[in-house]
Amino acid sequence: MPRLYHNPSCSKSQQTITFLTEKNASFTEVRYLETPPSVSELLSLISRLKTPLPTLIRTGEDDFHRSGVSVNELHDPQVVANLINEFPILLQRPIYDDGEVAVIGRPPEDIFSYYSSSNE
C-alpha cells in the first residue's frame, strides 16, 4: 500500500491528504516525527526517489547546520539516511511513495500529477 510521509502541522502535507482523500486513495500515513523511519527504510525510499537526493533534506533547519554535514555530502544515500534518522525534522515533506516511485510534494502538485497519471 502507498505511504505518505508527512507532518500533520505542515500545510503542504494537509493539502496532499485532502487531495488523496478526495480521490478515495488508499494509503498509510507515516507521521515521521512521531515514528521516524529506520536507516534501511530511508535507503529503500531513497532508491525510489526521482528527484536529486539533496532535495530530500530541509537544509534551512537549525538541526542541519548543527549536524556538521555539508551540502556536498547530500549526494551520498548513506549520509542522507543517517542524517534523517538522527534528525527526522530534516526530511522534506510530504512524500508519496507507492513502492515504485517516491515523489516529494514540493509543491504538492508534484504528488497530484504523479498520482493522477499513475491511477488513470
PDB file of N, CA and C in Angstrom:
ATOM      1  N   MET A   1       0.838  -1.175   0.000  1.00  0.00           N
ATOM      2  CA  MET A   1       0.000   0.000   0.000  1.00  0.00           C
ATOM      3  C   MET A   1       0.887   1.244   0.000  1.00  0.00           C
ATOM      4  N   PRO A   2       0.504   2.261  -0.765  1.00  0.00           N
ATOM      5  CA  PRO A   2       1.283   3.502  -0.782  1.00  0.00           C
ATOM      6  C   PRO A   2       1.379   4.120   0.611  1.00  0.00           C
ATOM      7  N   ARG A   3       2.463   4.856   0.792  1.00  0.00           N
ATOM      8  CA  ARG A   3       2.705   5.511   2.081  1.00  0.00           C
ATOM      9  C   ARG A   3       2.857   7.011   1.841  1.00  0.00           C
ATOM     10  N   LEU A   4       2.360   7.787   2.784  1.00  0.00           N
ATOM     11  CA  LEU A   4       2.538   9.230   2.741  1.00  0.00           C
ATOM     12  C   LEU A   4       3.293   9.638   3.995  1.00  0.00           C
ATOM     13  N   TYR A   5       4.545  10.048   3.790  1.00  0.00           N
ATOM     14  CA  TYR A   5       5.370  10.549   4.886  1.00  0.00           C
ATOM     15  C   TYR A   5       5.010  12.023   5.052  1.00  0.00           C
ATOM     16  N   HIS A   6       4.554  12.382   6.245  1.00  0.00           N
ATOM     17  CA  HIS A   6       4.130  13.764   6.403  1.00  0.00           C
ATOM     18  C   HIS A   6       4.174  14.215   7.848  1.00  0.00           C
ATOM     19  N   ASN A   7       4.034  15.526   7.978  1.00  0.00           N
ATOM     20  CA  ASN A   7       3.939  16.200   9.263  1.00  0.00           C
ATOM     21  C   ASN A   7       2.556  16.842   9.288  1.00  0.00           C
ATOM     22  N   PRO A   8       1.660  16.417  10.176  1.00  0.00           N
ATOM     23  CA  PRO A   8       0.301  16.955  10.187  1.00  0.00           C
ATOM     24  C   PRO A   8       0.227  18.473  10.356  1.00  0.00           C
ATOM     25  N   SER A   9       1.278  19.090  10.866  1.00  0.00           N
ATOM     26  CA  SER A   9       1.296  20.546  11.047  1.00  0.00           C
ATOM     27  C   SER A   9       1.656  21.292   9.766  1.00  0.00           C
ATOM     28  N   CYS A  10       2.102  20.584   8.759  1.00  0.00           N
ATOM     29  CA  CYS A  10       2.572  21.192   7.508  1.00  0.00           C
ATOM     30  C   CYS A  10       1.400  21.403   6.543  1.00  0.00           C
ATOM     31  N   SER A  11       1.255  22.622   6.037  1.00  0.00           N
ATOM     32  CA  SER A  11       0.149  22.918   5.118  1.00  0.00           C
ATOM     33  C   SER A  11       0.247  22.108   3.830  1.00  0.00           C
ATOM     34  N   LYS A  12       1.458  21.853   3.353  1.00  0.00           N
ATOM     35  CA  LYS A  12       1.625  21.051   2.127  1.00  0.00           C
ATOM     36  C   LYS A  12       1.176  19.611   2.378  1.00  0.00           C
ATOM     37  N   SER A  13       1.465  19.093   3.565  1.00  0.00           N
ATOM     38  CA  SER A  13       1.006  17.754   3.930  1.00  0.00           C
ATOM     39  C   SER A  13      -0.515  17.722   4.010  1.00  0.00           C
ATOM     40  N   GLN A  14      -1.096  18.744   4.609  1.00  0.00           N
ATOM     41  CA  GLN A  14      -2.549  18.811   4.730  1.00  0.00           C
ATOM     42  C   GLN A  14      -3.211  18.857   3.355  1.00  0.00           C
ATOM     43  N   GLN A  15      -2.646  19.635   2.430  1.00  0.00           N
ATOM     44  CA  GLN A  15      -3.188  19.710   1.069  1.00  0.00           C
ATOM     45  C   GLN A  15      -3.122  18.349   0.389  1.00  0.00           C
ATOM     46  N   THR A  16      -2.020  17.640   0.603  1.00  0.00           N
ATOM     47  CA  THR A  16      -1.846  16.332  -0.027  1.00  0.00           C
ATOM     48  C   THR A  16      -2.830  15.322   0.546  1.00  0.00           C
ATOM     49  N   ILE A  17      -3.030  15.327   1.840  1.00  0.00           N
ATOM     50  CA  ILE A  17      -4.002  14.406   2.449  1.00  0.00           C
ATOM     51  C   ILE A  17      -5.401  14.707   1.929  1.00  0.00           C
ATOM     52  N   THR A  18      -5.748  15.977   1.815  1.00  0.00           N
ATOM     53  CA  THR A  18      -7.064  16.345   1.278  1.00  0.00           C
ATOM     54  C   THR A  18      -7.216  15.816  -0.142  1.00  0.00           C
ATOM     55  N   PHE A  19      -6.209  16.017  -0.977  1.00  0.00           N
ATOM     56  CA  PHE A  19      -6.258  15.536  -2.360  1.00  0.00           C
ATOM     57  C   PHE A  19      -6.443  14.020  -2.409  1.00  0.00           C
ATOM     58  N   LEU A  20      -5.609  13.280  -1.688  1.00  0.00           N
ATOM     59  CA  LEU A  20      -5.677  11.815  -1.722  1.00  0.00           C
ATOM     60  C   LEU A  20      -7.007  11.308  -1.166  1.00  0.00           C
ATOM     61  N   THR A  21      -7.510  11.960  -0.138  1.00  0.00           N
ATOM     62  CA  THR A  21      -8.798  11.564   0.442  1.00  0.00           C
ATOM     63  C   THR A  21      -9.929  11.803  -0.553  1.00  0.00           C
ATOM     64  N   GLU A  22      -9.892  12.946  -1.236  1.00  0.00           N
ATOM     65  CA  GLU A  22     -10.918  13.246  -2.243  1.00  0.00           C
ATOM     66  C   GLU A  22     -10.876  12.260  -3.406  1.00  0.00           C
ATOM     67  N   LYS A  23      -9.710  11.703  -3.669  1.00  0.00           N
ATOM     68  CA  LYS A  23      -9.557  10.713  -4.745  1.00  0.00           C
ATOM     69  C   LYS A  23      -9.863   9.295  -4.249  1.00  0.00           C
ATOM     70  N   ASN A  24     -10.263   9.180  -2.982  1.00  0.00           N
ATOM     71  CA  ASN A  24     -10.516   7.865  -2.369  1.00  0.00           C
ATOM     72  C   ASN A  24      -9.299   6.950  -2.458  1.00  0.00           C
ATOM     73  N   ALA A  25      -8.132   7.555  -2.365  1.00  0.00           N
ATOM     74  CA  ALA A  25      -6.882   6.792  -2.449  1.00  0.00           C
ATOM     75  C   ALA A  25      -6.637   6.040  -1.148  1.00  0.00           C
ATOM     76  N   SER A  26      -6.134   4.840  -1.284  1.00  0.00           N
ATOM     77  CA  SER A  26      -5.702   4.071  -0.114  1.00  0.00           C
ATOM     78  C   SER A  26      -4.231   4.380   0.123  1.00  0.00           C
ATOM     79  N   PHE A  27      -3.902   4.725   1.349  1.00  0.00           N
ATOM     80  CA  PHE A  27      -2.506   4.987   1.689  1.00  0.00           C
ATOM     81  C   PHE A  27      -2.344   4.887   3.193  1.00  0.00           C
ATOM     82  N   THR A  28      -1.127   4.648   3.598  1.00  0.00           N
ATOM     83  CA  THR A  28      -0.781   4.601   5.012  1.00  0.00           C
ATOM     84  C   THR A  28      -0.097   5.911   5.376  1.00  0.00           C
ATOM     85  N   GLU A  29      -0.589   6.554   6.416  1.00  0.00           N
ATOM     86  CA  GLU A  29       0.056   7.774   6.901  1.00  0.00           C
ATOM     87  C   GLU A  29       1.275   7.408   7.728  1.00  0.00           C
ATOM     88  N   VAL A  30       2.391   8.045   7.425  1.00  0.00           N
ATOM     89  CA  VAL A  30       3.596   7.879   8.229  1.00  0.00           C
ATOM     90  C   VAL A  30       3.927   9.248   8.816  1.00  0.00           C
ATOM     91  N   ARG A  31       3.652   9.405  10.076  1.00  0.00           N
ATOM     92  CA  ARG A  31       3.988  10.648  10.778  1.00  0.00           C
ATOM     93  C   ARG A  31       5.423  10.497  11.263  1.00  0.00           C
ATOM     94  N   TYR A  32       6.318  10.867  10.376  1.00  0.00           N
ATOM     95  CA  TYR A  32       7.734  10.536  10.565  1.00  0.00           C
ATOM     96  C   TYR A  32       8.378  11.199  11.783  1.00  0.00           C
ATOM     97  N   LEU A  33       7.773  12.254  12.296  1.00  0.00           N
ATOM     98  CA  LEU A  33       8.333  12.865  13.508  1.00  0.00           C
ATOM     99  C   LEU A  33       7.975  12.047  14.745  1.00  0.00           C
ATOM    100  N   GLU A  34       6.834  11.359  14.688  1.00  0.00           N
ATOM    101  CA  GLU A  34       6.405  10.504  15.800  1.00  0.00           C
ATOM    102  C   GLU A  34       7.038   9.122  15.708  1.00  0.00           C
ATOM    103  N   THR A  35       7.141   8.618  14.481  1.00  0.00           N
ATOM    104  CA  THR A  35       7.696   7.287  14.237  1.00  0.00           C
ATOM    105  C   THR A  35       8.731   7.410  13.121  1.00  0.00           C
ATOM    106  N   PRO A  36       9.947   7.805  13.450  1.00  0.00           N
ATOM    107  CA  PRO A  36      10.964   8.005  12.410  1.00  0.00           C
ATOM    108  C   PRO A  36      11.289   6.704  11.675  1.00  0.00           C
ATOM    109  N   PRO A  37      11.444   6.787  10.350  1.00  0.00           N
ATOM    110  CA  PRO A  37      11.839   5.598   9.590  1.00  0.00           C
ATOM    111  C   PRO A  37      13.268   5.183   9.934  1.00  0.00           C
ATOM    112  N   SER A  38      13.522   3.891   9.835  1.00  0.00           N
ATOM    113  CA  SER A  38      14.869   3.368  10.085  1.00  0.00           C
ATOM    114  C   SER A  38      15.787   3.740   8.924  1.00  0.00           C
ATOM    115  N   VAL A  39      17.068   3.561   9.128  1.00  0.00           N
ATOM    116  CA  VAL A  39      18.042   3.824   8.062  1.00  0.00           C
ATOM    117  C   VAL A  39      17.735   2.939   6.859  1.00  0.00           C
ATOM    118  N   SER A  40      17.408   1.674   7.070  1.00  0.00           N
ATOM    119  CA  SER A  40      17.116   0.785   5.935  1.00  0.00           C
ATOM    120  C   SER A  40      15.845   1.223   5.210  1.00  0.00           C
ATOM    121  N   GLU A  41      14.824   1.678   5.940  1.00  0.00           N
ATOM    122  CA  GLU A  41      13.610   2.195   5.286  1.00  0.00           C
ATOM    123  C   GLU A  41      13.939   3.438   4.469  1.00  0.00           C
ATOM    124  N   LEU A  42      14.774   4.290   5.016  1.00  0.00           N
ATOM    125  CA  LEU A  42      15.161   5.505   4.304  1.00  0.00           C
ATOM    126  C   LEU A  42      15.954   5.189   3.044  1.00  0.00           C
ATOM    127  N   LEU A  43      16.864   4.235   3.121  1.00  0.00           N
ATOM    128  CA  LEU A  43      17.635   3.854   1.931  1.00  0.00           C
ATOM    129  C   LEU A  43      16.716   3.286   0.860  1.00  0.00           C
ATOM    130  N   SER A  44      15.718   2.525   1.264  1.00  0.00           N
ATOM    131  CA  SER A  44      14.746   1.992   0.315  1.00  0.00           C
ATOM    132  C   SER A  44      13.954   3.131  -0.330  1.00  0.00           C
ATOM    133  N   LEU A  45      13.495   4.068   0.477  1.00  0.00           N
ATOM    134  CA  LEU A  45      12.775   5.236  -0.035  1.00  0.00           C
ATOM    135  C   LEU A  45      13.651   6.019  -1.007  1.00  0.00           C
ATOM    136  N   ILE A  46      14.884   6.254  -0.633  1.00  0.00           N
ATOM    137  CA  ILE A  46      15.828   6.997  -1.474  1.00  0.00           C
ATOM    138  C   ILE A  46      15.997   6.323  -2.829  1.00  0.00           C
ATOM    139  N   SER A  47      15.994   5.007  -2.861  1.00  0.00           N
ATOM    140  CA  SER A  47      16.182   4.284  -4.130  1.00  0.00           C
ATOM    141  C   SER A  47      15.033   4.523  -5.107  1.00  0.00           C
ATOM    142  N   ARG A  48      13.885   4.972  -4.611  1.00  0.00           N
ATOM    143  CA  ARG A  48      12.726   5.213  -5.478  1.00  0.00           C
ATOM    144  C   ARG A  48      12.516   6.695  -5.788  1.00  0.00           C
ATOM    145  N   LEU A  49      13.331   7.536  -5.208  1.00  0.00           N
ATOM    146  CA  LEU A  49      13.209   8.979  -5.392  1.00  0.00           C
ATOM    147  C   LEU A  49      13.580   9.360  -6.816  1.00  0.00           C
ATOM    148  N   LYS A  50      12.763  10.182  -7.449  1.00  0.00           N
ATOM    149  CA  LYS A  50      13.004  10.578  -8.835  1.00  0.00           C
ATOM    150  C   LYS A  50      13.515  12.011  -8.959  1.00  0.00           C
ATOM    151  N   THR A  51      13.906  12.589  -7.844  1.00  0.00           N
ATOM    152  CA  THR A  51      14.481  13.934  -7.857  1.00  0.00           C
ATOM    153  C   THR A  51      15.880  13.858  -7.250  1.00  0.00           C
ATOM    154  N   PRO A  52      16.696  14.872  -7.456  1.00  0.00           N
ATOM    155  CA  PRO A  52      18.045  14.835  -6.887  1.00  0.00           C
ATOM    156  C   PRO A  52      17.999  14.619  -5.371  1.00  0.00           C
ATOM    157  N   LEU A  53      18.861  13.781  -4.895  1.00  0.00           N
ATOM    158  CA  LEU A  53      18.885  13.385  -3.489  1.00  0.00           C
ATOM    159  C   LEU A  53      18.909  14.563  -2.513  1.00  0.00           C
ATOM    160  N   PRO A  54      19.674  15.625  -2.771  1.00  0.00           N
ATOM    161  CA  PRO A  54      19.689  16.731  -1.801  1.00  0.00           C
ATOM    162  C   PRO A  54      18.313  17.364  -1.563  1.00  0.00           C
ATOM    163  N   THR A  55      17.372  17.198  -2.495  1.00  0.00           N
ATOM    164  CA  THR A  55      16.039  17.784  -2.301  1.00  0.00           C
ATOM    165  C   THR A  55      15.273  17.107  -1.169  1.00  0.00           C
ATOM    166  N   LEU A  56      15.749  15.981  -0.698  1.00  0.00           N
ATOM    167  CA  LEU A  56      15.108  15.252   0.391  1.00  0.00           C
ATOM    168  C   LEU A  56      15.381  15.890   1.755  1.00  0.00           C
ATOM    169  N   ILE A  57      16.361  16.782   1.811  1.00  0.00           N
ATOM    170  CA  ILE A  57      16.799  17.373   3.084  1.00  0.00           C
ATOM    171  C   ILE A  57      16.382  18.837   3.191  1.00  0.00           C
ATOM    172  N   ARG A  58      15.852  19.192   4.337  1.00  0.00           N
ATOM    173  CA  ARG A  58      15.480  20.574   4.651  1.00  0.00           C
ATOM    174  C   ARG A  58      16.734  21.276   5.197  1.00  0.00           C
ATOM    175  N   THR A  59      17.509  21.839   4.293  1.00  0.00           N
ATOM    176  CA  THR A  59      18.807  22.410   4.668  1.00  0.00           C
ATOM    177  C   THR A  59      18.696  23.719   5.448  1.00  0.00           C
ATOM    178  N   GLY A  60      17.522  24.314   5.501  1.00  0.00           N
ATOM    179  CA  GLY A  60      17.350  25.559   6.245  1.00  0.00           C
ATOM    180  C   GLY A  60      17.117  25.360   7.736  1.00  0.00           C
ATOM    181  N   GLU A  61      16.928  24.121   8.143  1.00  0.00           N
ATOM    182  CA  GLU A  61      16.667  23.830   9.560  1.00  0.00           C
ATOM    183  C   GLU A  61      17.949  23.970  10.394  1.00  0.00           C
ATOM    184  N   ASP A  62      17.792  24.423  11.623  1.00  0.00           N
ATOM    185  CA  ASP A  62      18.935  24.552  12.539  1.00  0.00           C
ATOM    186  C   ASP A  62      19.649  23.215  12.730  1.00  0.00           C
ATOM    187  N   ASP A  63      18.880  22.122  12.808  1.00  0.00           N
ATOM    188  CA  ASP A  63      19.499  20.808  13.001  1.00  0.00           C
ATOM    189  C   ASP A  63      20.446  20.454  11.857  1.00  0.00           C
ATOM    190  N   PHE A  64      20.147  20.915  10.646  1.00  0.00           N
ATOM    191  CA  PHE A  64      21.065  20.637   9.538  1.00  0.00           C
ATOM    192  C   PHE A  64      22.398  21.327   9.796  1.00  0.00           C
ATOM    193  N   HIS A  65      22.349  22.567  10.200  1.00  0.00           N
ATOM    194  CA  HIS A  65      23.586  23.317  10.447  1.00  0.00           C
ATOM    195  C   HIS A  65      24.365  22.742  11.625  1.00  0.00           C
ATOM    196  N   ARG A  66      23.650  22.257  12.628  1.00  0.00           N
ATOM    197  CA  ARG A  66      24.299  21.641  13.789  1.00  0.00           C
ATOM    198  C   ARG A  66      24.870  20.264  13.466  1.00  0.00           C
ATOM    199  N   SER A  67      24.366  19.615  12.427  1.00  0.00           N
ATOM    200  CA  SER A  67      24.769  18.233  12.128  1.00  0.00           C
ATOM    201  C   SER A  67      26.223  18.108  11.692  1.00  0.00           C
ATOM    202  N   GLY A  68      26.778  19.181  11.132  1.00  0.00           N
ATOM    203  CA  GLY A  68      28.146  19.120  10.632  1.00  0.00           C
ATOM    204  C   GLY A  68      28.251  18.528   9.236  1.00  0.00           C
ATOM    205  N   VAL A  69      27.122  18.147   8.643  1.00  0.00           N
ATOM    206  CA  VAL A  69      27.114  17.589   7.288  1.00  0.00           C
ATOM    207  C   VAL A  69      27.097  18.748   6.298  1.00  0.00           C
ATOM    208  N   SER A  70      27.925  18.657   5.266  1.00  0.00           N
ATOM    209  CA  SER A  70      27.955  19.716   4.255  1.00  0.00           C
ATOM    210  C   SER A  70      26.955  19.397   3.139  1.00  0.00           C
ATOM    211  N   VAL A  71      26.533  20.426   2.448  1.00  0.00           N
ATOM    212  CA  VAL A  71      25.608  20.255   1.321  1.00  0.00           C
ATOM    213  C   VAL A  71      26.212  19.308   0.287  1.00  0.00           C
ATOM    214  N   ASN A  72      27.518  19.348   0.098  1.00  0.00           N
ATOM    215  CA  ASN A  72      28.179  18.468  -0.874  1.00  0.00           C
ATOM    216  C   ASN A  72      28.037  16.996  -0.518  1.00  0.00           C
ATOM    217  N   GLU A  73      27.870  16.684   0.761  1.00  0.00           N
ATOM    218  CA  GLU A  73      27.725  15.288   1.189  1.00  0.00           C
ATOM    219  C   GLU A  73      26.320  14.738   0.947  1.00  0.00           C
ATOM    220  N   LEU A  74      25.383  15.595   0.572  1.00  0.00           N
ATOM    221  CA  LEU A  74      23.990  15.176   0.427  1.00  0.00           C
ATOM    222  C   LEU A  74      23.712  14.381  -0.845  1.00  0.00           C
ATOM    223  N   HIS A  75      24.747  14.047  -1.579  1.00  0.00           N
ATOM    224  CA  HIS A  75      24.586  13.182  -2.759  1.00  0.00           C
ATOM    225  C   HIS A  75      24.835  11.723  -2.393  1.00  0.00           C
ATOM    226  N   ASP A  76      25.219  11.474  -1.172  1.00  0.00           N
ATOM    227  CA  ASP A  76      25.517  10.120  -0.696  1.00  0.00           C
ATOM    228  C   ASP A  76      24.293   9.573   0.050  1.00  0.00           C
ATOM    229  N   PRO A  77      23.638   8.529  -0.491  1.00  0.00           N
ATOM    230  CA  PRO A  77      22.434   7.992   0.151  1.00  0.00           C
ATOM    231  C   PRO A  77      22.637   7.595   1.612  1.00  0.00           C
ATOM    232  N   GLN A  78      23.782   7.033   1.942  1.00  0.00           N
ATOM    233  CA  GLN A  78      24.019   6.614   3.325  1.00  0.00           C
ATOM    234  C   GLN A  78      24.094   7.817   4.257  1.00  0.00           C
ATOM    235  N   VAL A  79      24.759   8.874   3.814  1.00  0.00           N
ATOM    236  CA  VAL A  79      24.852  10.099   4.618  1.00  0.00           C
ATOM    237  C   VAL A  79      23.453  10.672   4.848  1.00  0.00           C
ATOM    238  N   VAL A  80      22.656  10.728   3.785  1.00  0.00           N
ATOM    239  CA  VAL A  80      21.304  11.287   3.887  1.00  0.00           C
ATOM    240  C   VAL A  80      20.438  10.440   4.817  1.00  0.00           C
ATOM    241  N   ALA A  81      20.482   9.128   4.656  1.00  0.00           N
ATOM    242  CA  ALA A  81      19.678   8.237   5.509  1.00  0.00           C
ATOM    243  C   ALA A  81      20.082   8.370   6.975  1.00  0.00           C
ATOM    244  N   ASN A  82      21.368   8.409   7.243  1.00  0.00           N
ATOM    245  CA  ASN A  82      21.841   8.565   8.628  1.00  0.00           C
ATOM    246  C   ASN A  82      21.427   9.920   9.207  1.00  0.00           C
ATOM    247  N   LEU A  83      21.520  10.949   8.381  1.00  0.00           N
ATOM    248  CA  LEU A  83      21.170  12.300   8.820  1.00  0.00           C
ATOM    249  C   LEU A  83      19.687  12.383   9.194  1.00  0.00           C
ATOM    250  N   ILE A  84      18.814  11.852   8.340  1.00  0.00           N
ATOM    251  CA  ILE A  84      17.375  11.883   8.619  1.00  0.00           C
ATOM    252  C   ILE A  84      17.045  11.013   9.824  1.00  0.00           C
ATOM    253  N   ASN A  85      17.731   9.892   9.943  1.00  0.00           N
ATOM    254  CA  ASN A  85      17.490   9.017  11.087  1.00  0.00           C
ATOM    255  C   ASN A  85      17.820   9.732  12.397  1.00  0.00           C
ATOM    256  N   GLU A  86      18.898  10.512  12.382  1.00  0.00           N
ATOM    257  CA  GLU A  86      19.299  11.240  13.591  1.00  0.00           C
ATOM    258  C   GLU A  86      18.451  12.488  13.818  1.00  0.00           C
ATOM    259  N   PHE A  87      18.069  13.152  12.723  1.00  0.00           N
ATOM    260  CA  PHE A  87      17.299  14.397  12.793  1.00  0.00           C
ATOM    261  C   PHE A  87      16.083  14.285  11.870  1.00  0.00           C
ATOM    262  N   PRO A  88      15.017  13.604  12.284  1.00  0.00           N
ATOM    263  CA  PRO A  88      13.860  13.390  11.404  1.00  0.00           C
ATOM    264  C   PRO A  88      13.237  14.679  10.869  1.00  0.00           C
ATOM    265  N   ILE A  89      13.376  15.774  11.600  1.00  0.00           N
ATOM    266  CA  ILE A  89      12.812  17.047  11.159  1.00  0.00           C
ATOM    267  C   ILE A  89      13.399  17.482   9.818  1.00  0.00           C
ATOM    268  N   LEU A  90      14.552  16.935   9.444  1.00  0.00           N
ATOM    269  CA  LEU A  90      15.210  17.325   8.196  1.00  0.00           C
ATOM    270  C   LEU A  90      14.591  16.682   6.960  1.00  0.00           C
ATOM    271  N   LEU A  91      13.709  15.705   7.139  1.00  0.00           N
ATOM    272  CA  LEU A  91      13.070  15.048   5.994  1.00  0.00           C
ATOM    273  C   LEU A  91      12.096  16.013   5.340  1.00  0.00           C
ATOM    274  N   GLN A  92      12.303  16.263   4.065  1.00  0.00           N
ATOM    275  CA  GLN A  92      11.365  17.101   3.322  1.00  0.00           C
ATOM    276  C   GLN A  92      10.020  16.397   3.277  1.00  0.00           C
ATOM    277  N   ARG A  93       8.954  17.144   3.286  1.00  0.00           N
ATOM    278  CA  ARG A  93       7.633  16.535   3.270  1.00  0.00           C
ATOM    279  C   ARG A  93       6.661  17.411   2.513  1.00  0.00           C
ATOM    280  N   PRO A  94       5.572  16.797   2.092  1.00  0.00           N
ATOM    281  CA  PRO A  94       5.203  15.388   2.184  1.00  0.00           C
ATOM    282  C   PRO A  94       5.907  14.568   1.112  1.00  0.00           C
ATOM    283  N   ILE A  95       5.950  13.256   1.314  1.00  0.00           N
ATOM    284  CA  ILE A  95       6.494  12.335   0.315  1.00  0.00           C
ATOM    285  C   ILE A  95       5.473  11.234   0.106  1.00  0.00           C
ATOM    286  N   TYR A  96       5.076  11.052  -1.144  1.00  0.00           N
ATOM    287  CA  TYR A  96       4.170   9.968  -1.515  1.00  0.00           C
ATOM    288  C   TYR A  96       5.022   8.863  -2.121  1.00  0.00           C
ATOM    289  N   ASP A  97       4.918   7.666  -1.563  1.00  0.00           N
ATOM    290  CA  ASP A  97       5.721   6.522  -2.009  1.00  0.00           C
ATOM    291  C   ASP A  97       4.781   5.359  -2.302  1.00  0.00           C
ATOM    292  N   ASP A  98       4.665   5.013  -3.579  1.00  0.00           N
ATOM    293  CA  ASP A  98       3.760   3.912  -3.943  1.00  0.00           C
ATOM    294  C   ASP A  98       4.479   2.570  -4.054  1.00  0.00           C
ATOM    295  N   GLY A  99       5.743   2.540  -3.646  1.00  0.00           N
ATOM    296  CA  GLY A  99       6.510   1.300  -3.709  1.00  0.00           C
ATOM    297  C   GLY A  99       7.337   1.173  -4.976  1.00  0.00           C
ATOM    298  N   GLU A 100       7.015   1.989  -5.975  1.00  0.00           N
ATOM    299  CA  GLU A 100       7.784   2.018  -7.224  1.00  0.00           C
ATOM    300  C   GLU A 100       8.489   3.352  -7.393  1.00  0.00           C
ATOM    301  N   VAL A 101       7.786   4.420  -7.028  1.00  0.00           N
ATOM    302  CA  VAL A 101       8.307   5.773  -7.176  1.00  0.00           C
ATOM    303  C   VAL A 101       7.982   6.542  -5.896  1.00  0.00           C
ATOM    304  N   ALA A 102       8.926   7.360  -5.460  1.00  0.00           N
ATOM    305  CA  ALA A 102       8.707   8.259  -4.323  1.00  0.00           C
ATOM    306  C   ALA A 102       8.764   9.691  -4.849  1.00  0.00           C
ATOM    307  N   VAL A 103       7.724  10.469  -4.527  1.00  0.00           N
ATOM    308  CA  VAL A 103       7.603  11.836  -5.030  1.00  0.00           C
ATOM    309  C   VAL A 103       7.513  12.799  -3.852  1.00  0.00           C
ATOM    310  N   ILE A 104       8.361  13.809  -3.863  1.00  0.00           N
ATOM    311  CA  ILE A 104       8.313  14.854  -2.841  1.00  0.00           C
ATOM    312  C   ILE A 104       7.274  15.883  -3.276  1.00  0.00           C
ATOM    313  N   GLY A 105       6.386  16.232  -2.377  1.00  0.00           N
ATOM    314  CA  GLY A 105       5.323  17.190  -2.681  1.00  0.00           C
ATOM    315  C   GLY A 105       5.715  18.624  -2.445  1.00  0.00           C
ATOM    316  N   ARG A 106       6.741  19.060  -3.082  1.00  0.00           N
ATOM    317  CA  ARG A 106       7.180  20.452  -3.041  1.00  0.00           C
ATOM    318  C   ARG A 106       7.314  20.936  -4.468  1.00  0.00           C
ATOM    319  N   PRO A 107       6.262  21.449  -5.047  1.00  0.00           N
ATOM    320  CA  PRO A 107       4.956  21.726  -4.472  1.00  0.00           C
ATOM    321  C   PRO A 107       4.078  20.472  -4.430  1.00  0.00           C
ATOM    322  N   PRO A 108       2.955  20.512  -3.702  1.00  0.00           N
ATOM    323  CA  PRO A 108       2.073  19.343  -3.614  1.00  0.00           C
ATOM    324  C   PRO A 108       1.574  18.872  -4.979  1.00  0.00           C
ATOM    325  N   GLU A 109       1.515  19.796  -5.923  1.00  0.00           N
ATOM    326  CA  GLU A 109       1.058  19.442  -7.269  1.00  0.00           C
ATOM    327  C   GLU A 109       1.920  18.359  -7.905  1.00  0.00           C
ATOM    328  N   ASP A 110       3.167  18.231  -7.473  1.00  0.00           N
ATOM    329  CA  ASP A 110       4.013  17.146  -7.988  1.00  0.00           C
ATOM    330  C   ASP A 110       3.419  15.790  -7.616  1.00  0.00           C
ATOM    331  N   ILE A 111       2.918  15.668  -6.397  1.00  0.00           N
ATOM    332  CA  ILE A 111       2.259  14.426  -5.981  1.00  0.00           C
ATOM    333  C   ILE A 111       0.936  14.283  -6.717  1.00  0.00           C
ATOM    334  N   PHE A 112       0.167  15.373  -6.827  1.00  0.00           N
ATOM    335  CA  PHE A 112      -1.124  15.305  -7.506  1.00  0.00           C
ATOM    336  C   PHE A 112      -0.940  14.807  -8.936  1.00  0.00           C
ATOM    337  N   SER A 113       0.033  15.364  -9.648  1.00  0.00           N
ATOM    338  CA  SER A 113       0.289  14.972 -11.043  1.00  0.00           C
ATOM    339  C   SER A 113       0.706  13.516 -11.134  1.00  0.00           C
ATOM    340  N   TYR A 114       1.640  13.109 -10.278  1.00  0.00           N
ATOM    341  CA  TYR A 114       2.097  11.718 -10.316  1.00  0.00           C
ATOM    342  C   TYR A 114       0.944  10.773 -10.004  1.00  0.00           C
ATOM    343  N   TYR A 115       0.192  11.053  -8.955  1.00  0.00           N
ATOM    344  CA  TYR A 115      -0.917  10.176  -8.571  1.00  0.00           C
ATOM    345  C   TYR A 115      -1.932  10.076  -9.713  1.00  0.00           C
ATOM    346  N   SER A 116      -2.291  11.221 -10.285  1.00  0.00           N
ATOM    347  CA  SER A 116      -3.289  11.229 -11.358  1.00  0.00           C
ATOM    348  C   SER A 116      -2.816  10.441 -12.567  1.00  0.00           C
ATOM    349  N   SER A 117      -1.547  10.595 -12.941  1.00  0.00           N
ATOM    350  CA  SER A 117      -1.036   9.890 -14.125  1.00  0.00           C
ATOM    351  C   SER A 117      -0.855   8.399 -13.875  1.00  0.00           C
ATOM    352  N   SER A 118      -0.583   8.005 -12.651  1.00  0.00           N
ATOM    353  CA  SER A 118      -0.351   6.581 -12.377  1.00  0.00           C
ATOM    354  C   SER A 118      -1.631   5.838 -11.993  1.00  0.00           C
ATOM    355  N   ASN A 119      -2.739   6.556 -11.877  1.00  0.00           N
ATOM    356  CA  ASN A 119      -4.002   5.926 -11.489  1.00  0.00           C
ATOM    357  C   ASN A 119      -5.113   6.199 -12.496  1.00  0.00           C
ATOM    358  N   GLU A 120      -4.738   6.348 -13.759  1.00  0.00           N
ATOM    359  CA  GLU A 120      -5.746   6.597 -14.803  1.00  0.00           C
ATOM    360  C   GLU A 120      -6.453   5.321 -15.168  1.00  0.00           C
TER     361      GLU A 120
END
